[in-house]
Amino acid sequence: MRQSVTPKPDDFHLERDGDAVVATFAPTGARYRAAGGEPASQVEAPRDGRDDYAEDEVRTMAGKLIALAATSPSSS
């Protein structure tokens, strides 16, 4: 059985989109978005078809990073 690679915070790029935060998972190009304390939802599927990352682990990490970014003051 093949083991999946665990995503790391450095694998993500975060950006604000109005009240929402978007996290892009660099290794696959998958994008996740959340606003107003909602759970992160995938808004763009992975582009390169890599299967060495477990989707649920990537989504969980994206959600954690988005939650942290949402509670941090935005830079002006």
PDB file of N, CA and C in Angstrom:
ATOM      1  N   MET A   1       0.843  -1.194   0.000  1.00  0.00           N
ATOM      2  CA  MET A   1       0.000   0.000   0.000  1.00  0.00           C
ATOM      3  C   MET A   1       0.884   1.253   0.000  1.00  0.00           C
ATOM      4  N   ARG A   2       0.563   2.168  -0.831  1.00  0.00           N
ATOM      5  CA  ARG A   2       1.319   3.401  -0.972  1.00  0.00           C
ATOM      6  C   ARG A   2       0.917   4.404   0.094  1.00  0.00           C
ATOM      7  N   GLN A   3       1.918   4.990   0.766  1.00  0.00           N
ATOM      8  CA  GLN A   3       1.624   5.981   1.788  1.00  0.00           C
ATOM      9  C   GLN A   3       1.508   7.356   1.164  1.00  0.00           C
ATOM     10  N   SER A   4       0.584   8.154   1.682  1.00  0.00           N
ATOM     11  CA  SER A   4       0.420   9.495   1.146  1.00  0.00           C
ATOM     12  C   SER A   4       1.390  10.454   1.833  1.00  0.00           C
ATOM     13  N   VAL A   5       1.734  11.502   1.128  1.00  0.00           N
ATOM     14  CA  VAL A   5       2.606  12.542   1.645  1.00  0.00           C
ATOM     15  C   VAL A   5       1.741  13.506   2.451  1.00  0.00           C
ATOM     16  N   THR A   6       2.217  13.892   3.619  1.00  0.00           N
ATOM     17  CA  THR A   6       1.476  14.825   4.463  1.00  0.00           C
ATOM     18  C   THR A   6       1.730  16.253   3.987  1.00  0.00           C
ATOM     19  N   PRO A   7       0.673  17.022   3.734  1.00  0.00           N
ATOM     20  CA  PRO A   7       0.871  18.404   3.311  1.00  0.00           C
ATOM     21  C   PRO A   7       1.453  19.233   4.452  1.00  0.00           C
ATOM     22  N   LYS A   8       2.274  20.213   4.101  1.00  0.00           N
ATOM     23  CA  LYS A   8       2.890  21.097   5.084  1.00  0.00           C
ATOM     24  C   LYS A   8       2.379  22.521   4.853  1.00  0.00           C
ATOM     25  N   PRO A   9       2.388  23.347   5.897  1.00  0.00           N
ATOM     26  CA  PRO A   9       1.922  24.724   5.710  1.00  0.00           C
ATOM     27  C   PRO A   9       2.641  25.460   4.578  1.00  0.00           C
ATOM     28  N   ASP A  10       3.930  25.173   4.390  1.00  0.00           N
ATOM     29  CA  ASP A  10       4.682  25.847   3.324  1.00  0.00           C
ATOM     30  C   ASP A  10       4.233  25.433   1.925  1.00  0.00           C
ATOM     31  N   ASP A  11       3.408  24.398   1.821  1.00  0.00           N
ATOM     32  CA  ASP A  11       2.895  23.942   0.521  1.00  0.00           C
ATOM     33  C   ASP A  11       1.732  24.802   0.025  1.00  0.00           C
ATOM     34  N   PHE A  12       1.277  25.759   0.832  1.00  0.00           N
ATOM     35  CA  PHE A  12       0.102  26.566   0.510  1.00  0.00           C
ATOM     36  C   PHE A  12       0.460  28.029   0.289  1.00  0.00           C
ATOM     37  N   HIS A  13      -0.294  28.662  -0.579  1.00  0.00           N
ATOM     38  CA  HIS A  13      -0.219  30.105  -0.792  1.00  0.00           C
ATOM     39  C   HIS A  13      -1.581  30.662  -0.370  1.00  0.00           C
ATOM     40  N   LEU A  14      -1.591  31.640   0.535  1.00  0.00           N
ATOM     41  CA  LEU A  14      -2.845  32.220   1.023  1.00  0.00           C
ATOM     42  C   LEU A  14      -3.028  33.622   0.458  1.00  0.00           C
ATOM     43  N   GLU A  15      -4.272  33.949   0.143  1.00  0.00           N
ATOM     44  CA  GLU A  15      -4.593  35.297  -0.305  1.00  0.00           C
ATOM     45  C   GLU A  15      -6.004  35.650   0.141  1.00  0.00           C
ATOM     46  N   ARG A  16      -6.226  36.926   0.375  1.00  0.00           N
ATOM     47  CA  ARG A  16      -7.556  37.402   0.745  1.00  0.00           C
ATOM     48  C   ARG A  16      -8.335  37.750  -0.515  1.00  0.00           C
ATOM     49  N   ASP A  17      -9.629  37.444  -0.469  1.00  0.00           N
ATOM     50  CA  ASP A  17     -10.545  37.785  -1.556  1.00  0.00           C
ATOM     51  C   ASP A  17     -11.779  38.378  -0.892  1.00  0.00           C
ATOM     52  N   GLY A  18     -11.736  39.679  -0.610  1.00  0.00           N
ATOM     53  CA  GLY A  18     -12.810  40.305   0.156  1.00  0.00           C
ATOM     54  C   GLY A  18     -12.771  39.779   1.578  1.00  0.00           C
ATOM     55  N   ASP A  19     -13.894  39.242   2.052  1.00  0.00           N
ATOM     56  CA  ASP A  19     -13.963  38.673   3.396  1.00  0.00           C
ATOM     57  C   ASP A  19     -13.463  37.241   3.445  1.00  0.00           C
ATOM     58  N   ALA A  20     -13.235  36.647   2.295  1.00  0.00           N
ATOM     59  CA  ALA A  20     -12.817  35.242   2.228  1.00  0.00           C
ATOM     60  C   ALA A  20     -11.291  35.137   2.166  1.00  0.00           C
ATOM     61  N   VAL A  21     -10.824  33.949   2.512  1.00  0.00           N
ATOM     62  CA  VAL A  21      -9.412  33.616   2.355  1.00  0.00           C
ATOM     63  C   VAL A  21      -9.350  32.416   1.413  1.00  0.00           C
ATOM     64  N   VAL A  22      -8.433  32.478   0.442  1.00  0.00           N
ATOM     65  CA  VAL A  22      -8.242  31.404  -0.526  1.00  0.00           C
ATOM     66  C   VAL A  22      -6.867  30.792  -0.283  1.00  0.00           C
ATOM     67  N   ALA A  23      -6.832  29.476  -0.165  1.00  0.00           N
ATOM     68  CA  ALA A  23      -5.577  28.744  -0.005  1.00  0.00           C
ATOM     69  C   ALA A  23      -5.349  27.908  -1.255  1.00  0.00           C
ATOM     70  N   THR A  24      -4.203  28.096  -1.886  1.00  0.00           N
ATOM     71  CA  THR A  24      -3.829  27.306  -3.061  1.00  0.00           C
ATOM     72  C   THR A  24      -2.761  26.320  -2.640  1.00  0.00           C
ATOM     73  N   PHE A  25      -3.014  25.040  -2.901  1.00  0.00           N
ATOM     74  CA  PHE A  25      -2.058  23.988  -2.583  1.00  0.00           C
ATOM     75  C   PHE A  25      -1.098  23.872  -3.758  1.00  0.00           C
ATOM     76  N   ALA A  26       0.111  24.377  -3.588  1.00  0.00           N
ATOM     77  CA  ALA A  26       1.071  24.492  -4.695  1.00  0.00           C
ATOM     78  C   ALA A  26       1.383  23.177  -5.411  1.00  0.00           C
ATOM     79  N   PRO A  27       1.579  22.056  -4.715  1.00  0.00           N
ATOM     80  CA  PRO A  27       1.943  20.834  -5.447  1.00  0.00           C
ATOM     81  C   PRO A  27       0.909  20.369  -6.473  1.00  0.00           C
ATOM     82  N   THR A  28      -0.374  20.668  -6.256  1.00  0.00           N
ATOM     83  CA  THR A  28      -1.389  20.180  -7.193  1.00  0.00           C
ATOM     84  C   THR A  28      -2.202  21.289  -7.849  1.00  0.00           C
ATOM     85  N   GLY A  29      -2.162  22.497  -7.300  1.00  0.00           N
ATOM     86  CA  GLY A  29      -2.954  23.599  -7.833  1.00  0.00           C
ATOM     87  C   GLY A  29      -4.373  23.643  -7.295  1.00  0.00           C
ATOM     88  N   ALA A  30      -4.731  22.728  -6.398  1.00  0.00           N
ATOM     89  CA  ALA A  30      -6.082  22.743  -5.820  1.00  0.00           C
ATOM     90  C   ALA A  30      -6.258  24.016  -4.991  1.00  0.00           C
ATOM     91  N   ARG A  31      -7.478  24.594  -5.066  1.00  0.00           N
ATOM     92  CA  ARG A  31      -7.764  25.831  -4.330  1.00  0.00           C
ATOM     93  C   ARG A  31      -8.946  25.610  -3.401  1.00  0.00           C
ATOM     94  N   TYR A  32      -8.841  26.217  -2.209  1.00  0.00           N
ATOM     95  CA  TYR A  32      -9.864  26.111  -1.174  1.00  0.00           C
ATOM     96  C   TYR A  32     -10.208  27.518  -0.721  1.00  0.00           C
ATOM     97  N   ARG A  33     -11.489  27.727  -0.385  1.00  0.00           N
ATOM     98  CA  ARG A  33     -11.969  29.064  -0.018  1.00  0.00           C
ATOM     99  C   ARG A  33     -12.897  28.948   1.176  1.00  0.00           C
ATOM    100  N   ALA A  34     -12.820  29.944   2.073  1.00  0.00           N
ATOM    101  CA  ALA A  34     -13.744  30.005   3.203  1.00  0.00           C
ATOM    102  C   ALA A  34     -13.911  31.453   3.627  1.00  0.00           C
ATOM    103  N   ALA A  35     -15.087  31.756   4.152  1.00  0.00           N
ATOM    104  CA  ALA A  35     -15.386  33.095   4.658  1.00  0.00           C
ATOM    105  C   ALA A  35     -16.348  32.964   5.821  1.00  0.00           C
ATOM    106  N   GLY A  36     -16.277  33.893   6.736  1.00  0.00           N
ATOM    107  CA  GLY A  36     -17.236  33.954   7.834  1.00  0.00           C
ATOM    108  C   GLY A  36     -17.258  32.727   8.724  1.00  0.00           C
ATOM    109  N   GLY A  37     -16.118  32.081   8.926  1.00  0.00           N
ATOM    110  CA  GLY A  37     -16.048  30.929   9.801  1.00  0.00           C
ATOM    111  C   GLY A  37     -16.566  29.634   9.201  1.00  0.00           C
ATOM    112  N   GLU A  38     -16.944  29.653   7.920  1.00  0.00           N
ATOM    113  CA  GLU A  38     -17.416  28.432   7.256  1.00  0.00           C
ATOM    114  C   GLU A  38     -16.246  27.484   7.013  1.00  0.00           C
ATOM    115  N   PRO A  39     -16.513  26.187   6.922  1.00  0.00           N
ATOM    116  CA  PRO A  39     -15.435  25.248   6.589  1.00  0.00           C
ATOM    117  C   PRO A  39     -14.910  25.508   5.175  1.00  0.00           C
ATOM    118  N   ALA A  40     -13.646  25.189   4.956  1.00  0.00           N
ATOM    119  CA  ALA A  40     -13.044  25.383   3.631  1.00  0.00           C
ATOM    120  C   ALA A  40     -13.689  24.445   2.622  1.00  0.00           C
ATOM    121  N   SER A  41     -13.999  24.979   1.459  1.00  0.00           N
ATOM    122  CA  SER A  41     -14.525  24.150   0.390  1.00  0.00           C
ATOM    123  C   SER A  41     -13.615  24.286  -0.826  1.00  0.00           C
ATOM    124  N   GLN A  42     -13.501  23.211  -1.569  1.00  0.00           N
ATOM    125  CA  GLN A  42     -12.644  23.213  -2.747  1.00  0.00           C
ATOM    126  C   GLN A  42     -13.321  23.989  -3.857  1.00  0.00           C
ATOM    127  N   VAL A  43     -12.613  24.950  -4.422  1.00  0.00           N
ATOM    128  CA  VAL A  43     -13.167  25.741  -5.511  1.00  0.00           C
ATOM    129  C   VAL A  43     -12.473  25.451  -6.831  1.00  0.00           C
ATOM    130  N   GLU A  44     -11.351  24.770  -6.774  1.00  0.00           N
ATOM    131  CA  GLU A  44     -10.661  24.375  -8.003  1.00  0.00           C
ATOM    132  C   GLU A  44      -9.997  23.027  -7.742  1.00  0.00           C
ATOM    133  N   ALA A  45     -10.289  22.069  -8.589  1.00  0.00           N
ATOM    134  CA  ALA A  45      -9.736  20.722  -8.428  1.00  0.00           C
ATOM    135  C   ALA A  45      -8.239  20.713  -8.744  1.00  0.00           C
ATOM    136  N   PRO A  46      -7.538  19.704  -8.240  1.00  0.00           N
ATOM    137  CA  PRO A  46      -6.120  19.579  -8.583  1.00  0.00           C
ATOM    138  C   PRO A  46      -5.930  19.510 -10.090  1.00  0.00           C
ATOM    139  N   ARG A  47      -4.875  20.148 -10.581  1.00  0.00           N
ATOM    140  CA  ARG A  47      -4.631  20.206 -12.017  1.00  0.00           C
ATOM    141  C   ARG A  47      -3.675  19.143 -12.525  1.00  0.00           C
ATOM    142  N   ASP A  48      -2.803  18.640 -11.670  1.00  0.00           N
ATOM    143  CA  ASP A  48      -1.781  17.747 -12.205  1.00  0.00           C
ATOM    144  C   ASP A  48      -2.037  16.269 -11.967  1.00  0.00           C
ATOM    145  N   GLY A  49      -3.124  15.913 -11.310  1.00  0.00           N
ATOM    146  CA  GLY A  49      -3.484  14.518 -11.139  1.00  0.00           C
ATOM    147  C   GLY A  49      -2.608  13.726 -10.184  1.00  0.00           C
ATOM    148  N   ARG A  50      -1.798  14.420  -9.388  1.00  0.00           N
ATOM    149  CA  ARG A  50      -0.958  13.703  -8.428  1.00  0.00           C
ATOM    150  C   ARG A  50      -1.837  13.016  -7.401  1.00  0.00           C
ATOM    151  N   ASP A  51      -1.484  11.789  -7.071  1.00  0.00           N
ATOM    152  CA  ASP A  51      -2.274  11.062  -6.079  1.00  0.00           C
ATOM    153  C   ASP A  51      -1.461  10.736  -4.833  1.00  0.00           C
ATOM    154  N   ASP A  52      -0.317  11.416  -4.652  1.00  0.00           N
ATOM    155  CA  ASP A  52       0.501  11.131  -3.479  1.00  0.00           C
ATOM    156  C   ASP A  52       0.084  11.941  -2.256  1.00  0.00           C
ATOM    157  N   TYR A  53      -0.912  12.828  -2.404  1.00  0.00           N
ATOM    158  CA  TYR A  53      -1.467  13.576  -1.281  1.00  0.00           C
ATOM    159  C   TYR A  53      -2.906  13.129  -1.061  1.00  0.00           C
ATOM    160  N   ALA A  54      -3.269  12.870   0.187  1.00  0.00           N
ATOM    161  CA  ALA A  54      -4.651  12.500   0.516  1.00  0.00           C
ATOM    162  C   ALA A  54      -5.500  13.768   0.537  1.00  0.00           C
ATOM    163  N   GLU A  55      -6.553  13.790  -0.264  1.00  0.00           N
ATOM    164  CA  GLU A  55      -7.410  14.968  -0.399  1.00  0.00           C
ATOM    165  C   GLU A  55      -7.934  15.451   0.947  1.00  0.00           C
ATOM    166  N   ASP A  56      -8.347  14.535   1.820  1.00  0.00           N
ATOM    167  CA  ASP A  56      -8.887  14.959   3.113  1.00  0.00           C
ATOM    168  C   ASP A  56      -7.826  15.646   3.967  1.00  0.00           C
ATOM    169  N   GLU A  57      -6.573  15.200   3.879  1.00  0.00           N
ATOM    170  CA  GLU A  57      -5.498  15.843   4.639  1.00  0.00           C
ATOM    171  C   GLU A  57      -5.184  17.228   4.079  1.00  0.00           C
ATOM    172  N   VAL A  58      -5.208  17.360   2.770  1.00  0.00           N
ATOM    173  CA  VAL A  58      -4.964  18.661   2.149  1.00  0.00           C
ATOM    174  C   VAL A  58      -6.074  19.629   2.538  1.00  0.00           C
ATOM    175  N   ARG A  59      -7.329  19.184   2.458  1.00  0.00           N
ATOM    176  CA  ARG A  59      -8.471  20.035   2.809  1.00  0.00           C
ATOM    177  C   ARG A  59      -8.409  20.448   4.282  1.00  0.00           C
ATOM    178  N   THR A  60      -8.037  19.523   5.158  1.00  0.00           N
ATOM    179  CA  THR A  60      -7.933  19.823   6.592  1.00  0.00           C
ATOM    180  C   THR A  60      -6.866  20.881   6.844  1.00  0.00           C
ATOM    181  N   MET A  61      -5.692  20.710   6.229  1.00  0.00           N
ATOM    182  CA  MET A  61      -4.615  21.686   6.407  1.00  0.00           C
ATOM    183  C   MET A  61      -5.025  23.040   5.845  1.00  0.00           C
ATOM    184  N   ALA A  62      -5.669  23.058   4.679  1.00  0.00           N
ATOM    185  CA  ALA A  62      -6.140  24.315   4.092  1.00  0.00           C
ATOM    186  C   ALA A  62      -7.109  25.006   5.043  1.00  0.00           C
ATOM    187  N   GLY A  63      -8.019  24.237   5.623  1.00  0.00           N
ATOM    188  CA  GLY A  63      -8.990  24.804   6.565  1.00  0.00           C
ATOM    189  C   GLY A  63      -8.329  25.416   7.777  1.00  0.00           C
ATOM    190  N   LYS A  64      -7.306  24.747   8.303  1.00  0.00           N
ATOM    191  CA  LYS A  64      -6.583  25.278   9.472  1.00  0.00           C
ATOM    192  C   LYS A  64      -5.861  26.575   9.124  1.00  0.00           C
ATOM    193  N   LEU A  65      -5.203  26.589   7.979  1.00  0.00           N
ATOM    194  CA  LEU A  65      -4.490  27.797   7.574  1.00  0.00           C
ATOM    195  C   LEU A  65      -5.435  28.953   7.286  1.00  0.00           C
ATOM    196  N   ILE A  66      -6.560  28.655   6.650  1.00  0.00           N
ATOM    197  CA  ILE A  66      -7.553  29.697   6.379  1.00  0.00           C
ATOM    198  C   ILE A  66      -8.102  30.259   7.679  1.00  0.00           C
ATOM    199  N   ALA A  67      -8.373  29.393   8.652  1.00  0.00           N
ATOM    200  CA  ALA A  67      -8.887  29.850   9.947  1.00  0.00           C
ATOM    201  C   ALA A  67      -7.876  30.761  10.641  1.00  0.00           C
ATOM    202  N   LEU A  68      -6.594  30.390  10.579  1.00  0.00           N
ATOM    203  CA  LEU A  68      -5.554  31.241  11.171  1.00  0.00           C
ATOM    204  C   LEU A  68      -5.470  32.585  10.456  1.00  0.00           C
ATOM    205  N   ALA A  69      -5.510  32.557   9.145  1.00  0.00           N
ATOM    206  CA  ALA A  69      -5.426  33.794   8.374  1.00  0.00           C
ATOM    207  C   ALA A  69      -6.637  34.686   8.621  1.00  0.00           C
ATOM    208  N   ALA A  70      -7.799  34.078   8.795  1.00  0.00           N
ATOM    209  CA  ALA A  70      -9.025  34.850   9.013  1.00  0.00           C
ATOM    210  C   ALA A  70      -9.015  35.563  10.359  1.00  0.00           C
ATOM    211  N   THR A  71      -8.274  35.016  11.331  1.00  0.00           N
ATOM    212  CA  THR A  71      -8.223  35.652  12.646  1.00  0.00           C
ATOM    213  C   THR A  71      -7.065  36.636  12.761  1.00  0.00           C
ATOM    214  N   SER A  72      -6.183  36.654  11.766  1.00  0.00           N
ATOM    215  CA  SER A  72      -5.055  37.586  11.758  1.00  0.00           C
ATOM    216  C   SER A  72      -5.485  38.892  11.109  1.00  0.00           C
ATOM    217  N   PRO A  73      -4.964  40.002  11.615  1.00  0.00           N
ATOM    218  CA  PRO A  73      -5.308  41.278  10.974  1.00  0.00           C
ATOM    219  C   PRO A  73      -4.720  41.339   9.569  1.00  0.00           C
ATOM    220  N   SER A  74      -5.471  41.890   8.650  1.00  0.00           N
ATOM    221  CA  SER A  74      -4.972  42.005   7.273  1.00  0.00           C
ATOM    222  C   SER A  74      -4.012  43.180   7.199  1.00  0.00           C
ATOM    223  N   SER A  75      -3.007  43.021   6.360  1.00  0.00           N
ATOM    224  CA  SER A  75      -2.039  44.109   6.196  1.00  0.00           C
ATOM    225  C   SER A  75      -2.596  45.108   5.189  1.00  0.00           C
ATOM    226  N   SER A  76      -2.406  46.355   5.459  1.00  0.00           N
ATOM    227  CA  SER A  76      -2.929  47.405   4.573  1.00  0.00           C
ATOM    228  C   SER A  76      -1.833  48.008   3.758  1.00  0.00           C
TER     229      SER A  76
END
